[in-house]
C-alpha atoms as a PDB file:
ATOM      1  CA  UNK A   1     -79.224  61.563  37.102  1.00  0.00           C
ATOM      2  CA  UNK A   2     -82.373  62.367  38.518  1.00  0.00           C
ATOM      3  CA  UNK A   3     -83.443  66.694  38.555  1.00  0.00           C
ATOM      4  CA  UNK A   4     -84.215  68.382  41.268  1.00  0.00           C
ATOM      5  CA  UNK A   5     -87.368  68.875  42.035  1.00  0.00           C
ATOM      6  CA  UNK A   6     -87.816  73.183  42.543  1.00  0.00           C
ATOM      7  CA  UNK A   7     -91.086  73.028  44.078  1.00  0.00           C
ATOM      8  CA  UNK A   8     -93.953  70.498  45.120  1.00  0.00           C
ATOM      9  CA  UNK A   9     -97.507  70.928  46.249  1.00  0.00           C
ATOM     10  CA  UNK A  10     -98.828  67.024  47.303  1.00  0.00           C
ATOM     11  CA  UNK A  11     -97.593  64.552  44.772  1.00  0.00           C
ATOM     12  CA  UNK A  12     -96.682  66.656  41.602  1.00  0.00           C
ATOM     13  CA  UNK A  13     -93.588  67.835  41.492  1.00  0.00           C
ATOM     14  CA  UNK A  14     -92.446  71.444  39.422  1.00  0.00           C
ATOM     15  CA  UNK A  15     -88.791  70.903  37.905  1.00  0.00           C
ATOM     16  CA  UNK A  16     -86.509  73.195  36.754  1.00  0.00           C
ATOM     17  CA  UNK A  17     -86.963  71.829  32.599  1.00  0.00           C
ATOM     18  CA  UNK A  18     -90.816  72.560  32.902  1.00  0.00           C
ATOM     19  CA  UNK A  19     -89.848  76.542  33.801  1.00  0.00           C
ATOM     20  CA  UNK A  20     -87.387  76.556  30.658  1.00  0.00           C
ATOM     21  CA  UNK A  21     -87.538  79.998  28.044  1.00  0.00           C
ATOM     22  CA  UNK A  22     -89.791  80.872  31.596  1.00  0.00           C
ATOM     23  CA  UNK A  23     -87.707  84.158  31.713  1.00  0.00           C
ATOM     24  CA  UNK A  24     -86.448  86.294  28.461  1.00  0.00           C
ATOM     25  CA  UNK A  25     -82.475  86.137  28.372  1.00  0.00           C
ATOM     26  CA  UNK A  26     -80.948  89.935  29.309  1.00  0.00           C
ATOM     27  CA  UNK A  27     -83.300  90.040  32.337  1.00  0.00           C
ATOM     28  CA  UNK A  28     -81.498  90.614  35.659  1.00  0.00           C
ATOM     29  CA  UNK A  29     -81.458  88.252  38.697  1.00  0.00           C
ATOM     30  CA  UNK A  30     -83.020  90.166  40.823  1.00  0.00           C
ATOM     31  CA  UNK A  31     -86.303  90.348  38.067  1.00  0.00           C
ATOM     32  CA  UNK A  32     -85.602  86.446  37.351  1.00  0.00           C
ATOM     33  CA  UNK A  33     -86.405  85.191  40.816  1.00  0.00           C
ATOM     34  CA  UNK A  34     -89.413  87.264  40.929  1.00  0.00           C
ATOM     35  CA  UNK A  35     -90.534  86.206  37.573  1.00  0.00           C
ATOM     36  CA  UNK A  36     -90.206  82.301  39.061  1.00  0.00           C
ATOM     37  CA  UNK A  37     -91.327  83.292  41.959  1.00  0.00           C
ATOM     38  CA  UNK A  38     -94.285  84.412  40.603  1.00  0.00           C
ATOM     39  CA  UNK A  39     -94.468  81.347  37.863  1.00  0.00           C
ATOM     40  CA  UNK A  40     -93.711  78.784  41.183  1.00  0.00           C
ATOM     41  CA  UNK A  41     -96.972  79.985  43.469  1.00  0.00           C
ATOM     42  CA  UNK A  42     -99.752  80.326  40.146  1.00  0.00           C
ATOM     43  CA  UNK A  43     -98.393  76.409  39.762  1.00  0.00           C
ATOM     44  CA  UNK A  44     -98.864  75.600  43.135  1.00  0.00           C
ATOM     45  CA  UNK A  45    -102.224  77.750  44.278  1.00  0.00           C
ATOM     46  CA  UNK A  46    -104.284  76.365  41.237  1.00  0.00           C
ATOM     47  CA  UNK A  47    -102.941  72.117  42.393  1.00  0.00           C
ATOM     48  CA  UNK A  48    -103.894  72.762  45.733  1.00  0.00           C
ATOM     49  CA  UNK A  49    -107.181  74.435  44.122  1.00  0.00           C
ATOM     50  CA  UNK A  50    -107.667  71.228  42.174  1.00  0.00           C
ATOM     51  CA  UNK A  51    -106.936  68.850  44.322  1.00  0.00           C
ATOM     52  CA  UNK A  52    -109.730  71.137  46.800  1.00  0.00           C
ATOM     53  CA  UNK A  53    -112.019  70.513  44.154  1.00  0.00           C
ATOM     54  CA  UNK A  54    -111.537  66.977  43.561  1.00  0.00           C
ATOM     55  CA  UNK A  55    -112.026  66.456  47.275  1.00  0.00           C
ATOM     56  CA  UNK A  56    -115.555  68.613  47.857  1.00  0.00           C
ATOM     57  CA  UNK A  57    -117.184  69.379  45.337  1.00  0.00           C
ATOM     58  CA  UNK A  58    -119.599  66.698  44.188  1.00  0.00           C
ATOM     59  CA  UNK A  59    -119.569  63.538  41.929  1.00  0.00           C
ATOM     60  CA  UNK A  60    -122.019  64.104  39.537  1.00  0.00           C
ATOM     61  CA  UNK A  61    -120.741  68.013  39.708  1.00  0.00           C
ATOM     62  CA  UNK A  62    -116.978  65.780  38.815  1.00  0.00           C
ATOM     63  CA  UNK A  63    -118.536  64.168  35.992  1.00  0.00           C
ATOM     64  CA  UNK A  64    -120.288  66.476  34.072  1.00  0.00           C
ATOM     65  CA  UNK A  65    -117.231  68.357  33.809  1.00  0.00           C
ATOM     66  CA  UNK A  66    -115.269  65.584  32.856  1.00  0.00           C
ATOM     67  CA  UNK A  67    -117.766  65.518  29.682  1.00  0.00           C
ATOM     68  CA  UNK A  68    -117.334  68.856  28.842  1.00  0.00           C
ATOM     69  CA  UNK A  69    -113.158  68.246  28.460  1.00  0.00           C
ATOM     70  CA  UNK A  70    -113.412  65.128  27.209  1.00  0.00           C
ATOM     71  CA  UNK A  71    -115.726  66.848  24.568  1.00  0.00           C
ATOM     72  CA  UNK A  72    -113.567  69.999  24.207  1.00  0.00           C
ATOM     73  CA  UNK A  73    -110.869  67.599  23.813  1.00  0.00           C
ATOM     74  CA  UNK A  74    -112.437  66.379  20.872  1.00  0.00           C
ATOM     75  CA  UNK A  75    -113.748  69.965  19.162  1.00  0.00           C
ATOM     76  CA  UNK A  76    -109.823  70.732  19.774  1.00  0.00           C
ATOM     77  CA  UNK A  77    -109.310  67.798  16.996  1.00  0.00           C
ATOM     78  CA  UNK A  78    -112.232  67.475  14.716  1.00  0.00           C
ATOM     79  CA  UNK A  79    -111.718  71.125  13.926  1.00  0.00           C
ATOM     80  CA  UNK A  80    -107.519  71.143  13.474  1.00  0.00           C
ATOM     81  CA  UNK A  81    -108.040  68.326  11.621  1.00  0.00           C
ATOM     82  CA  UNK A  82    -111.074  69.261   9.335  1.00  0.00           C
ATOM     83  CA  UNK A  83    -109.625  73.230   8.956  1.00  0.00           C
ATOM     84  CA  UNK A  84    -106.569  71.614   7.465  1.00  0.00           C
ATOM     85  CA  UNK A  85    -108.742  70.051   5.006  1.00  0.00           C
ATOM     86  CA  UNK A  86    -110.281  72.504   4.132  1.00  0.00           C
ATOM     87  CA  UNK A  87    -107.208  74.343   3.281  1.00  0.00           C
ATOM     88  CA  UNK A  88    -106.234  72.057   0.928  1.00  0.00           C
ATOM     89  CA  UNK A  89    -109.153  71.593  -0.815  1.00  0.00           C
ATOM     90  CA  UNK A  90    -110.988  75.041  -0.744  1.00  0.00           C
ATOM     91  CA  UNK A  91    -111.293  76.627  -4.007  1.00  0.00           C
ATOM     92  CA  UNK A  92    -110.175  80.432  -2.634  1.00  0.00           C
ATOM     93  CA  UNK A  93    -110.590  81.977  -6.105  1.00  0.00           C
ATOM     94  CA  UNK A  94    -113.649  84.167  -6.600  1.00  0.00           C
ATOM     95  CA  UNK A  95    -114.594  85.527  -9.848  1.00  0.00           C
ATOM     96  CA  UNK A  96    -115.747  88.988 -11.008  1.00  0.00           C
ATOM     97  CA  UNK A  97    -119.363  87.053 -12.549  1.00  0.00           C
ATOM     98  CA  UNK A  98    -119.933  85.495  -9.678  1.00  0.00           C
ATOM     99  CA  UNK A  99    -119.465  88.170  -7.352  1.00  0.00           C
ATOM    100  CA  UNK A 100    -121.624  90.434  -9.055  1.00  0.00           C
ATOM    101  CA  UNK A 101    -124.477  87.070  -9.175  1.00  0.00           C
ATOM    102  CA  UNK A 102    -124.049  87.274  -5.613  1.00  0.00           C
ATOM    103  CA  UNK A 103    -123.742  90.953  -5.344  1.00  0.00           C
ATOM    104  CA  UNK A 104    -127.579  90.971  -7.259  1.00  0.00           C
ATOM    105  CA  UNK A 105    -128.587  88.570  -5.211  1.00  0.00           C
ATOM    106  CA  UNK A 106    -128.584  90.107  -2.056  1.00  0.00           C
ATOM    107  CA  UNK A 107    -128.454  93.710  -2.901  1.00  0.00           C
ATOM    108  CA  UNK A 108    -130.434  94.422   0.053  1.00  0.00           C
ATOM    109  CA  UNK A 109    -127.852  93.412   2.701  1.00  0.00           C
ATOM    110  CA  UNK A 110    -125.649  95.984   0.913  1.00  0.00           C
ATOM    111  CA  UNK A 111    -126.905  99.418   1.930  1.00  0.00           C
ATOM    112  CA  UNK A 112    -124.655 101.609   3.123  1.00  0.00           C
ATOM    113  CA  UNK A 113    -125.189 103.395   6.369  1.00  0.00           C
ATOM    114  CA  UNK A 114    -122.655 106.558   5.613  1.00  0.00           C
ATOM    115  CA  UNK A 115    -122.082 108.491   2.491  1.00  0.00           C
ATOM    116  CA  UNK A 116    -119.463 107.763   0.412  1.00  0.00           C
ATOM    117  CA  UNK A 117    -117.107 109.875  -2.440  1.00  0.00           C
ATOM    118  CA  UNK A 118    -115.042 108.942  -5.132  1.00  0.00           C
ATOM    119  CA  UNK A 119    -112.452 112.213  -5.359  1.00  0.00           C
ATOM    120  CA  UNK A 120    -108.978 113.070  -5.140  1.00  0.00           C
ATOM    121  CA  UNK A 121    -107.593 116.613  -3.870  1.00  0.00           C
ATOM    122  CA  UNK A 122    -104.012 118.657  -2.966  1.00  0.00           C
ATOM    123  CA  UNK A 123    -103.766 120.838  -0.507  1.00  0.00           C
ATOM    124  CA  UNK A 124    -101.092 123.868  -1.299  1.00  0.00           C
ATOM    125  CA  UNK A 125     -99.614 126.633  -0.146  1.00  0.00           C
ATOM    126  CA  UNK A 126    -101.096 130.108   0.233  1.00  0.00           C
ATOM    127  CA  UNK A 127    -100.748 132.191  -3.306  1.00  0.00           C
ATOM    128  CA  UNK A 128     -98.894 129.505  -5.383  1.00  0.00           C
ATOM    129  CA  UNK A 129     -97.496 130.809  -8.358  1.00  0.00           C
ATOM    130  CA  UNK A 130     -97.768 127.709 -10.913  1.00  0.00           C
ATOM    131  CA  UNK A 131    -101.584 127.371  -9.217  1.00  0.00           C
ATOM    132  CA  UNK A 132    -103.424 127.875 -13.088  1.00  0.00           C
ATOM    133  CA  UNK A 133    -101.512 125.332 -14.262  1.00  0.00           C
ATOM    134  CA  UNK A 134    -101.660 123.178 -11.421  1.00  0.00           C
ATOM    135  CA  UNK A 135    -105.913 124.128 -11.028  1.00  0.00           C
ATOM    136  CA  UNK A 136    -106.084 123.705 -15.236  1.00  0.00           C
ATOM    137  CA  UNK A 137    -104.249 120.206 -15.224  1.00  0.00           C
ATOM    138  CA  UNK A 138    -105.746 118.960 -11.863  1.00  0.00           C
ATOM    139  CA  UNK A 139    -109.828 119.430 -12.818  1.00  0.00           C
ATOM    140  CA  UNK A 140    -108.290 117.476 -16.236  1.00  0.00           C
ATOM    141  CA  UNK A 141    -106.485 114.648 -15.090  1.00  0.00           C
ATOM    142  CA  UNK A 142    -105.986 113.553 -18.491  1.00  0.00           C
ATOM    143  CA  UNK A 143    -102.540 111.271 -17.936  1.00  0.00           C
ATOM    144  CA  UNK A 144     -99.908 113.696 -18.511  1.00  0.00           C
ATOM    145  CA  UNK A 145    -101.402 115.704 -15.553  1.00  0.00           C
ATOM    146  CA  UNK A 146    -101.478 113.195 -14.019  1.00  0.00           C
ATOM    147  CA  UNK A 147     -97.302 112.730 -14.464  1.00  0.00           C
ATOM    148  CA  UNK A 148     -97.203 116.677 -13.865  1.00  0.00           C
ATOM    149  CA  UNK A 149     -99.105 116.718 -10.668  1.00  0.00           C
ATOM    150  CA  UNK A 150     -96.962 113.175  -9.470  1.00  0.00           C
ATOM    151  CA  UNK A 151     -94.185 114.824 -10.629  1.00  0.00           C
ATOM    152  CA  UNK A 152     -94.604 118.247  -8.039  1.00  0.00           C
ATOM    153  CA  UNK A 153     -96.606 116.574  -5.263  1.00  0.00           C
ATOM    154  CA  UNK A 154     -93.322 117.607  -3.298  1.00  0.00           C
ATOM    155  CA  UNK A 155     -94.542 120.792  -3.700  1.00  0.00           C
ATOM    156  CA  UNK A 156     -97.971 120.234  -1.589  1.00  0.00           C
ATOM    157  CA  UNK A 157     -98.575 119.565   1.535  1.00  0.00           C
ATOM    158  CA  UNK A 158    -101.253 116.772   0.854  1.00  0.00           C
ATOM    159  CA  UNK A 159    -102.964 115.501  -1.507  1.00  0.00           C
ATOM    160  CA  UNK A 160    -104.386 112.028  -3.115  1.00  0.00           C
ATOM    161  CA  UNK A 161    -104.836 111.431  -6.775  1.00  0.00           C
ATOM    162  CA  UNK A 162    -106.696 108.106  -6.925  1.00  0.00           C
ATOM    163  CA  UNK A 163    -110.364 109.435  -7.632  1.00  0.00           C
ATOM    164  CA  UNK A 164    -111.399 105.346  -7.810  1.00  0.00           C
ATOM    165  CA  UNK A 165    -110.962 103.901  -4.010  1.00  0.00           C
ATOM    166  CA  UNK A 166    -114.442 104.996  -2.103  1.00  0.00           C
ATOM    167  CA  UNK A 167    -113.826 107.109   1.142  1.00  0.00           C
ATOM    168  CA  UNK A 168    -116.842 107.434   3.534  1.00  0.00           C
ATOM    169  CA  UNK A 169    -117.138 111.182   3.670  1.00  0.00           C
ATOM    170  CA  UNK A 170    -116.743 111.295   7.762  1.00  0.00           C
ATOM    171  CA  UNK A 171    -112.985 110.056   7.406  1.00  0.00           C
ATOM    172  CA  UNK A 172    -112.463 112.772   5.026  1.00  0.00           C
ATOM    173  CA  UNK A 173    -113.580 115.659   7.834  1.00  0.00           C
ATOM    174  CA  UNK A 174    -111.452 114.103   9.880  1.00  0.00           C
ATOM    175  CA  UNK A 175    -108.267 113.665   7.463  1.00  0.00           C
ATOM    176  CA  UNK A 176    -108.771 117.690   5.676  1.00  0.00           C
ATOM    177  CA  UNK A 177    -109.420 120.277   8.366  1.00  0.00           C
ATOM    178  CA  UNK A 178    -111.051 122.891   5.859  1.00  0.00           C
ATOM    179  CA  UNK A 179    -113.777 119.907   5.611  1.00  0.00           C
ATOM    180  CA  UNK A 180    -116.215 120.453   8.644  1.00  0.00           C
ATOM    181  CA  UNK A 181    -120.030 118.765   9.238  1.00  0.00           C
ATOM    182  CA  UNK A 182    -121.586 121.909   8.613  1.00  0.00           C
ATOM    183  CA  UNK A 183    -119.969 122.257   4.584  1.00  0.00           C
ATOM    184  CA  UNK A 184    -119.102 118.488   3.919  1.00  0.00           C
ATOM    185  CA  UNK A 185    -122.881 118.236   2.071  1.00  0.00           C
ATOM    186  CA  UNK A 186    -120.846 120.740  -0.634  1.00  0.00           C
ATOM    187  CA  UNK A 187    -119.088 117.685  -1.615  1.00  0.00           C
ATOM    188  CA  UNK A 188    -121.761 115.531  -2.007  1.00  0.00           C
ATOM    189  CA  UNK A 189    -121.997 116.524  -5.686  1.00  0.00           C
ATOM    190  CA  UNK A 190    -121.061 114.271  -8.330  1.00  0.00           C
ATOM    191  CA  UNK A 191    -118.225 116.005 -10.492  1.00  0.00           C
ATOM    192  CA  UNK A 192    -118.168 118.881  -8.290  1.00  0.00           C
ATOM    193  CA  UNK A 193    -115.249 120.900  -8.504  1.00  0.00           C
ATOM    194  CA  UNK A 194    -113.821 122.685  -4.710  1.00  0.00           C
ATOM    195  CA  UNK A 195    -111.711 125.518  -4.371  1.00  0.00           C
ATOM    196  CA  UNK A 196    -110.846 126.180  -0.533  1.00  0.00           C
ATOM    197  CA  UNK A 197    -108.403 128.134   1.781  1.00  0.00           C
ATOM    198  CA  UNK A 198    -107.814 128.862   5.316  1.00  0.00           C
ATOM    199  CA  UNK A 199    -105.243 131.289   6.867  1.00  0.00           C
ATOM    200  CA  UNK A 200    -102.610 128.743   6.109  1.00  0.00           C
ATOM    201  CA  UNK A 201    -103.564 126.115   3.037  1.00  0.00           C
ATOM    202  CA  UNK A 202    -105.468 126.135  -0.554  1.00  0.00           C
ATOM    203  CA  UNK A 203    -107.716 123.209  -0.619  1.00  0.00           C
ATOM    204  CA  UNK A 204    -108.493 121.876  -4.981  1.00  0.00           C
ATOM    205  CA  UNK A 205    -110.604 119.523  -4.954  1.00  0.00           C
ATOM    206  CA  UNK A 206    -112.279 117.359  -6.942  1.00  0.00           C
ATOM    207  CA  UNK A 207    -115.270 114.741  -6.664  1.00  0.00           C
ATOM    208  CA  UNK A 208    -115.863 111.506  -8.984  1.00  0.00           C
ATOM    209  CA  UNK A 209    -118.909 110.102  -7.928  1.00  0.00           C
ATOM    210  CA  UNK A 210    -120.984 109.359  -4.674  1.00  0.00           C
ATOM    211  CA  UNK A 211    -123.267 107.277  -3.235  1.00  0.00           C
ATOM    212  CA  UNK A 212    -125.126 108.452   0.089  1.00  0.00           C
ATOM    213  CA  UNK A 213    -126.830 107.058   3.030  1.00  0.00           C
ATOM    214  CA  UNK A 214    -129.299 104.302   2.211  1.00  0.00           C
ATOM    215  CA  UNK A 215    -127.314 104.201  -1.520  1.00  0.00           C
ATOM    216  CA  UNK A 216    -126.725 100.105  -2.327  1.00  0.00           C
ATOM    217  CA  UNK A 217    -122.958 100.295  -1.633  1.00  0.00           C
ATOM    218  CA  UNK A 218    -120.466 100.159  -4.712  1.00  0.00           C
ATOM    219  CA  UNK A 219    -119.571  95.806  -6.428  1.00  0.00           C
ATOM    220  CA  UNK A 220    -115.998  97.285  -6.028  1.00  0.00           C
ATOM    221  CA  UNK A 221    -116.384  99.189  -2.714  1.00  0.00           C
ATOM    222  CA  UNK A 222    -118.336  95.428  -0.625  1.00  0.00           C
ATOM    223  CA  UNK A 223    -115.985  93.047  -2.863  1.00  0.00           C
ATOM    224  CA  UNK A 224    -113.590  91.976  -0.732  1.00  0.00           C
ATOM    225  CA  UNK A 225    -116.620  91.907   1.883  1.00  0.00           C
ATOM    226  CA  UNK A 226    -118.318  89.366  -1.178  1.00  0.00           C
ATOM    227  CA  UNK A 227    -115.641  87.455  -1.846  1.00  0.00           C
ATOM    228  CA  UNK A 228    -114.787  86.351   1.750  1.00  0.00           C
ATOM    229  CA  UNK A 229    -118.511  85.430   2.136  1.00  0.00           C
ATOM    230  CA  UNK A 230    -118.549  83.218  -0.723  1.00  0.00           C
ATOM    231  CA  UNK A 231    -115.358  81.594   0.383  1.00  0.00           C
ATOM    232  CA  UNK A 232    -116.736  80.892   3.891  1.00  0.00           C
ATOM    233  CA  UNK A 233    -119.831  79.700   2.578  1.00  0.00           C
ATOM    234  CA  UNK A 234    -117.373  77.118   0.268  1.00  0.00           C
ATOM    235  CA  UNK A 235    -116.003  76.379   3.502  1.00  0.00           C
ATOM    236  CA  UNK A 236    -119.681  75.438   5.160  1.00  0.00           C
ATOM    237  CA  UNK A 237    -120.435  73.046   2.025  1.00  0.00           C
ATOM    238  CA  UNK A 238    -116.986  71.516   2.229  1.00  0.00           C
ATOM    239  CA  UNK A 239    -116.428  70.689   5.738  1.00  0.00           C
ATOM    240  CA  UNK A 240    -120.956  69.333   5.212  1.00  0.00           C
ATOM    241  CA  UNK A 241    -119.057  67.340   2.553  1.00  0.00           C
ATOM    242  CA  UNK A 242    -116.320  66.433   4.121  1.00  0.00           C
ATOM    243  CA  UNK A 243    -117.946  65.324   7.254  1.00  0.00           C
ATOM    244  CA  UNK A 244    -120.384  62.824   4.885  1.00  0.00           C
ATOM    245  CA  UNK A 245    -117.685  61.654   3.133  1.00  0.00           C
ATOM    246  CA  UNK A 246    -115.996  60.164   5.810  1.00  0.00           C
ATOM    247  CA  UNK A 247    -119.270  59.243   7.451  1.00  0.00           C
ATOM    248  CA  UNK A 248    -119.818  56.761   4.363  1.00  0.00           C
ATOM    249  CA  UNK A 249    -116.024  55.636   3.635  1.00  0.00           C
ATOM    250  CA  UNK A 250    -116.008  54.137   7.420  1.00  0.00           C
ATOM    251  CA  UNK A 251    -119.272  51.655   6.889  1.00  0.00           C
ATOM    252  CA  UNK A 252    -118.201  51.105   3.555  1.00  0.00           C
ATOM    253  CA  UNK A 253    -115.050  50.145   5.220  1.00  0.00           C
ATOM    254  CA  UNK A 254    -116.862  48.595   8.435  1.00  0.00           C
ATOM    255  CA  UNK A 255    -115.814  50.799  10.701  1.00  0.00           C
ATOM    256  CA  UNK A 256    -118.381  52.202  11.229  1.00  0.00           C
ATOM    257  CA  UNK A 257    -122.432  49.911  12.042  1.00  0.00           C
ATOM    258  CA  UNK A 258    -125.171  50.874  13.833  1.00  0.00           C
ATOM    259  CA  UNK A 259    -127.337  47.949  15.418  1.00  0.00           C
ATOM    260  CA  UNK A 260    -131.169  47.940  15.960  1.00  0.00           C
END
């Protein structure tokens, strides 16, 4: 049996199957009615406006739009097809040597807009009983010291012992209350140890390395960006190659000809 329509605009019909899945399960009857009515009204308005456009827009303008629609369809299909081919064929492994070569060749593009630091810190309650031991191990920071600090980390208010990561200094100011715009320059000294306190906490900080604004960014800080750039460059080259290969194959198989 033919499905009964739920709405009509001129010669176009809307059926229940067209709105299947529109209303989420568990929606109340009242809300369901509101959602369906809103959808039907939007559907009707769009068709009415489209019908009005077809009647009132000049034929030349309609031809322009038809060409744009056709081009957009072609672009969607060809983009999806090429992306599938690229995904299947592209090499996404960027060796360290290639990343270093790209970095050196484009070093001027990797100047810093912010100060960076590598550092570790511990935030403790005021006057901890084992402060001397903690400070000694925190500064020395050998393997057994790291294990010790990890084992007592429950005592810390907050901490970060990974001093191999590069962090923007402004983020440090946001994260650690004792660091302010007036004293943050104290951190911009290589291998600098700081012990500061406020009314609630004691802070131990050890700076491992720094890079100042307008210095070249460390390679490990921009390595992810470099890999993305290299892979994107490969992608563009592969697309060009695929387009050329497709054209050559079409000529070879007599699917593409040009006439003088």
